Amino acid sequence: MNGPLDLRVLVLLLAGAVTAYIAYMHPAVGIALLVGVGVVTLAYLLMSTGGSGGPPAP
């Protein structure tokens, strides 16, 4: 890993830690966040691959 990828990983880990803390402190909010992340992930996968469900093309 080099340069920008390291920064992206750090930002994603920080976002994950904040989300996990919020979910721990407020379980109802955690469930809503989990559903939201699932929907966004599914939409990203479907839109970037033409609906086949495979990983996005580089």
N, C-alpha and C. Protein backbone atom coordinates (compact mmCIF):
# COMPACT_ATOMS: atom_id res chain seq x y z
N MET A 1 0.85 -1.18 0.00
CA MET A 1 0.00 0.00 0.00
C MET A 1 0.89 1.24 0.00
N ASN A 2 0.41 2.24 -0.73
CA ASN A 2 1.21 3.45 -0.80
C ASN A 2 0.32 4.68 -0.86
N GLY A 3 0.84 5.79 -0.45
CA GLY A 3 0.23 7.11 -0.56
C GLY A 3 -1.25 7.19 -0.22
N PRO A 4 -2.07 7.53 -1.21
CA PRO A 4 -3.49 7.79 -0.98
C PRO A 4 -4.25 6.58 -0.42
N LEU A 5 -3.81 5.38 -0.78
CA LEU A 5 -4.49 4.20 -0.27
C LEU A 5 -4.36 4.11 1.24
N ASP A 6 -3.21 4.45 1.76
CA ASP A 6 -3.02 4.44 3.21
C ASP A 6 -3.96 5.43 3.89
N LEU A 7 -4.12 6.60 3.31
CA LEU A 7 -5.02 7.60 3.87
C LEU A 7 -6.47 7.13 3.80
N ARG A 8 -6.85 6.50 2.68
CA ARG A 8 -8.22 5.99 2.56
C ARG A 8 -8.50 4.91 3.59
N VAL A 9 -7.55 4.04 3.81
CA VAL A 9 -7.72 2.98 4.80
C VAL A 9 -7.87 3.58 6.19
N LEU A 10 -7.05 4.58 6.49
CA LEU A 10 -7.13 5.24 7.79
C LEU A 10 -8.49 5.91 7.99
N VAL A 11 -8.98 6.59 6.95
CA VAL A 11 -10.29 7.25 7.04
C VAL A 11 -11.40 6.22 7.22
N LEU A 12 -11.34 5.11 6.49
CA LEU A 12 -12.36 4.07 6.62
C LEU A 12 -12.33 3.43 8.01
N LEU A 13 -11.13 3.20 8.54
CA LEU A 13 -11.03 2.63 9.89
C LEU A 13 -11.58 3.60 10.93
N LEU A 14 -11.30 4.88 10.77
CA LEU A 14 -11.82 5.88 11.69
C LEU A 14 -13.35 5.96 11.60
N ALA A 15 -13.88 5.95 10.39
CA ALA A 15 -15.34 5.97 10.21
C ALA A 15 -15.97 4.72 10.82
N GLY A 16 -15.34 3.57 10.65
CA GLY A 16 -15.85 2.34 11.24
C GLY A 16 -15.83 2.37 12.76
N ALA A 17 -14.77 2.94 13.32
CA ALA A 17 -14.68 3.03 14.78
C ALA A 17 -15.75 3.97 15.34
N VAL A 18 -15.97 5.10 14.69
CA VAL A 18 -17.00 6.03 15.15
C VAL A 18 -18.38 5.39 15.03
N THR A 19 -18.63 4.71 13.92
CA THR A 19 -19.91 4.04 13.73
C THR A 19 -20.13 2.95 14.78
N ALA A 20 -19.09 2.18 15.06
CA ALA A 20 -19.21 1.12 16.06
C ALA A 20 -19.48 1.71 17.44
N TYR A 21 -18.84 2.83 17.76
CA TYR A 21 -19.08 3.48 19.06
C TYR A 21 -20.53 3.97 19.16
N ILE A 22 -21.03 4.60 18.10
CA ILE A 22 -22.42 5.07 18.10
C ILE A 22 -23.38 3.90 18.24
N ALA A 23 -23.11 2.82 17.51
CA ALA A 23 -23.98 1.64 17.59
C ALA A 23 -23.95 1.02 18.98
N TYR A 24 -22.80 1.06 19.64
CA TYR A 24 -22.68 0.52 20.98
C TYR A 24 -23.45 1.36 21.99
N MET A 25 -23.35 2.68 21.86
CA MET A 25 -24.01 3.57 22.81
C MET A 25 -25.52 3.67 22.58
N HIS A 26 -25.96 3.56 21.33
CA HIS A 26 -27.38 3.69 20.97
C HIS A 26 -27.75 2.56 20.02
N PRO A 27 -28.19 1.42 20.54
CA PRO A 27 -28.46 0.25 19.69
C PRO A 27 -29.47 0.51 18.57
N ALA A 28 -30.49 1.34 18.80
CA ALA A 28 -31.49 1.59 17.75
C ALA A 28 -30.85 2.32 16.57
N VAL A 29 -29.95 3.24 16.86
CA VAL A 29 -29.24 3.95 15.79
C VAL A 29 -28.31 2.99 15.06
N GLY A 30 -27.72 2.07 15.77
CA GLY A 30 -26.83 1.08 15.17
C GLY A 30 -27.54 0.22 14.15
N ILE A 31 -28.77 -0.18 14.45
CA ILE A 31 -29.54 -0.98 13.50
C ILE A 31 -29.83 -0.18 12.25
N ALA A 32 -30.21 1.08 12.40
CA ALA A 32 -30.48 1.93 11.24
C ALA A 32 -29.21 2.13 10.40
N LEU A 33 -28.07 2.32 11.05
CA LEU A 33 -26.82 2.47 10.32
C LEU A 33 -26.47 1.20 9.56
N LEU A 34 -26.70 0.05 10.17
CA LEU A 34 -26.41 -1.22 9.51
C LEU A 34 -27.27 -1.40 8.26
N VAL A 35 -28.55 -1.09 8.35
CA VAL A 35 -29.44 -1.19 7.20
C VAL A 35 -29.00 -0.22 6.11
N GLY A 36 -28.65 1.00 6.49
CA GLY A 36 -28.20 1.99 5.51
C GLY A 36 -26.93 1.56 4.79
N VAL A 37 -25.97 1.05 5.54
CA VAL A 37 -24.72 0.58 4.93
C VAL A 37 -25.00 -0.59 3.99
N GLY A 38 -25.87 -1.48 4.37
CA GLY A 38 -26.22 -2.61 3.50
C GLY A 38 -26.86 -2.18 2.20
N VAL A 39 -27.77 -1.23 2.28
CA VAL A 39 -28.45 -0.74 1.07
C VAL A 39 -27.47 -0.03 0.15
N VAL A 40 -26.62 0.82 0.70
CA VAL A 40 -25.65 1.54 -0.12
C VAL A 40 -24.66 0.58 -0.76
N THR A 41 -24.20 -0.42 -0.02
CA THR A 41 -23.27 -1.40 -0.56
C THR A 41 -23.90 -2.19 -1.69
N LEU A 42 -25.13 -2.63 -1.51
CA LEU A 42 -25.82 -3.38 -2.55
C LEU A 42 -26.03 -2.52 -3.79
N ALA A 43 -26.43 -1.27 -3.61
CA ALA A 43 -26.63 -0.37 -4.76
C ALA A 43 -25.31 -0.14 -5.49
N TYR A 44 -24.22 0.05 -4.75
CA TYR A 44 -22.91 0.25 -5.37
C TYR A 44 -22.51 -0.96 -6.21
N LEU A 45 -22.70 -2.14 -5.66
CA LEU A 45 -22.33 -3.35 -6.39
C LEU A 45 -23.18 -3.55 -7.63
N LEU A 46 -24.47 -3.29 -7.53
CA LEU A 46 -25.34 -3.47 -8.68
C LEU A 46 -25.10 -2.43 -9.77
N MET A 47 -24.88 -1.19 -9.39
CA MET A 47 -24.69 -0.14 -10.39
C MET A 47 -23.33 -0.21 -11.07
N SER A 48 -22.31 -0.66 -10.37
CA SER A 48 -20.97 -0.64 -10.95
C SER A 48 -20.67 -1.87 -11.79
N THR A 49 -21.52 -2.90 -11.76
CA THR A 49 -21.23 -4.12 -12.52
C THR A 49 -22.29 -4.42 -13.56
N GLY A 50 -23.24 -3.55 -13.77
CA GLY A 50 -24.27 -3.83 -14.74
C GLY A 50 -25.31 -4.82 -14.24
N GLY A 51 -25.40 -5.01 -12.95
CA GLY A 51 -26.42 -5.89 -12.40
C GLY A 51 -26.01 -7.33 -12.21
N SER A 52 -24.75 -7.68 -12.53
CA SER A 52 -24.35 -9.08 -12.41
C SER A 52 -24.02 -9.47 -10.98
N GLY A 53 -23.74 -8.49 -10.12
CA GLY A 53 -23.46 -8.79 -8.72
C GLY A 53 -22.02 -9.12 -8.42
N GLY A 54 -21.15 -9.11 -9.42
CA GLY A 54 -19.73 -9.41 -9.19
C GLY A 54 -18.99 -8.18 -8.67
N PRO A 55 -17.69 -8.34 -8.44
CA PRO A 55 -16.92 -7.19 -7.94
C PRO A 55 -16.78 -6.13 -9.03
N PRO A 56 -16.63 -4.88 -8.65
CA PRO A 56 -16.50 -3.80 -9.64
C PRO A 56 -15.25 -3.96 -10.49
N ALA A 57 -15.35 -3.57 -11.76
CA ALA A 57 -14.22 -3.64 -12.66
C ALA A 57 -13.21 -2.52 -12.34
N PRO A 58 -11.93 -2.81 -12.48
CA PRO A 58 -10.92 -1.78 -12.16
C PRO A 58 -10.89 -0.66 -13.16
